[in-house]
Structure formats: structure tokens, C-alpha cells
Amino acid sequence: MRHSNIYLLVTACLFTLCVLVHGSFGLQKKSRNLVIGYFWHRGRQYTEHYTSVRQNYKYITHLCPTRIAIKDTDGNVVSGKDKWLLAFGKQHGIAILPLVANSDFSREIAHEVLNDESKRTKVINQLLEIITEWKCPGINIDIENVDPSDREAFNTFMKELCDQFHKKGLAVTVDVPAKTKDVPTGYWSGAYDYKFLGKCCDLVMLMCYDEHWSTGKPGPIASRSWVRRCLEYATSTIPAHKVILGCAWYGYDWPEGGRAKAYTSKGIKDLIEERKPILQWDNEAKSHWFEYTDNDGIKHTVWFEDPQSMAHKLHLAREFGIAGISIWRLGNEDPRYWDLLARYRAGHKIFK
């Protein structure tokens, strides 16, 4: 009995040490089946995010609330503490990694801050102060729309930030546009050096959606073949145990000749009930789509993600042996998603 108690005590101590060293439960080396939910604090669906978390917390390992932003070109940071979410995460063992963005994804803000050492230091110090005060185990960096010419500056910022956070035992995760190859001059994804970021960050979260975007031509949000190619490239440059596959829980409605409107799962369901279209399944893309004509005679094409298409993403995550998946975003989702994630978290087969 004594030996058993000693064994349990040693095991508990080692576990605690792992958590402290790596910043949060779930970021230890070679963790699997992580489920990271983005928690968006803006818009009309504000309360639905809380409902989603309360009802499905047992399937979530991490939450990234959008509560911090680099406000301006001087490097001033603004934040809003969500006391309920922080307490809920602590109560249920969910690691809270607050998301940090450049305000409105401003390219100017990113450029001015990333290329100025004093501003980089100013931002990092503010972030450290916030994360320490909130008692979070780490952070999620979501600086988007970075000019490709600022690639090295972004690398420098991330290295400096990782160095400071890791000294405090805090984890650093970074969001990057998905891509099938590295084109350093690429307008949207050229600034993100997968190999470099994979070395200094704890997790690299691929935003594997918007294969077809709102201002482009209609098409799947994230076709299976495209996601596969993105994972092939990512895992060739980043250790698989650091890769997170970002999954969309939304759809786009493209009016002919116009900009697409984004819909949540509930919005898509309501649209289908209203228009009663013939649903189509693209077997190559592994995604649903449909067409309808509105009251003004304008033709619309709608592509959307749902549990059926999500299952193929989870299968790919398993196939590539990556750390897990992330979800953009929680709230108003199809409840059947959670049945899938329950199987994924438990290590069960995705396809029954």
C-alpha cells in the first residue's frame, strides 16, 4: 500500500511538472486529438458561444477567446477580461489561450509594429502582463494580412515573443494561412514561414478554410483534396505533433456577380428551410452545395461545411498524425458536430 501511494505521488508530481514546463495541459510533446475552439466575442451570436461551451465543454481541450488586439501603429494593446470564461475553463480543465490580433487585420499596424524593436518589445511586455494577470497558460497569435516583405520581421517578433513567454513557462500558438507550398512573395500567405514558426512555437494552427473566399468564385470552403495537400506541405516543414488543422463551421452564399455572405450552421439550415433547394454532394470535394434564385431573380450558389464534410477532415487529422483540430467558430453550430468530436477525442473510428 505504501509503495502504491508513493507511485501515485511521484506520478502526480511528474504530471504537474509537465504541465508547468509546457505551459498548459494538452501542449506536451506529441499530444493528440486536441480540440481547440475559437470563441468570438463580437456580433449578434454572442450568447450562443457561451451556450455552446457550457453544453459541450467535455469535448474541448482549449479555447481561444478574441479578447486582445494590437490597437494601433504605436503598439498599444487593448484587452477585455472575460471572468466567466476564465473561471469556467479553470473549473473544467480547459486551457484558455487568448487570441491576439492586429486590429481589423490592419497591414499598416502589423508593418509598423513588426519592424520596430521598441514597439515589438512594448507589445510583448503588454501581452505578458495581461496573460500573467489573467493566469492563462499561454497565448494565441493571430496577426493576419502581414505584407510578404515583412516575413523576416514577423519571424523576429515571434522568436522574441516565444523566448519571453517560454521563460515564464507559457505556451505560444500561432495562426497561419493554409497553403500547399511556400511562395514568400504570396500576397496573403507569403509572410508566414512554416519552418521557422514550427521551431519556435508550441503549436502552429493552419487556417484550412476559405479555399474559395467571399470575393472570389463559388466553390468548396475546404475540399478534401485541398486540405490533404495543405497537410502534406505543413507536415513536411513542421513536426506533426505541433500541427493543428483549422476547420470551418460555416458556409458562403455567393450571389451571381457579387460578394458572398457568410452563414453559421444554423443560418444555412434556415436558408435551406426557406428556399427548399435540391442539396448536392460533391464527392471529390466531400462537401455539400446548392443553388437557388432569390426574389429579385438573382441566382445564388451556396457551399457549406457540415458534420459530413467535417468527418473527412478528422479522418485526415488522424491519417497525418497531427496534434489536433481547431474550430472557427463556436456558436450556432450543428449539434451533430459534437458526436463526431466525442469519437475523435476518445480515439474511436470517425466513420462508423
Foldseek 3Di string as FASTA:
>chain_A
DVVVVVVVVVVVVVVVVQCLLQLAPLLRFLAALAEEFEQECDDDQNVQQVVLCVVQVVLHAEYAYAFKEQEALQQDMGGDDDVVVLVVCVVSNHAYAYEYEHVVLDQNSCVSQLVDPVSLVVNLVVVVVVCVVSVGSAHEYENWQHQLVCLVSVLVSLQVSLVVQSVSSHAYEYEAEFDLDADSRDRTHNSHDLQSCLVRHSAYEYQQFPPPAFAGDDDARHFLVNLLSSLVHNVVRHPQQRYAYEDEQWKWKHWVPHGTDIGGQQRVVVVCVVFVFDWDADPRRQWIKTWGADPVRIIIIMTGDALRSVLSVLVSSVVSSHRHYYYPHGGPGDVVNSVQSVCSNVVHRNPD
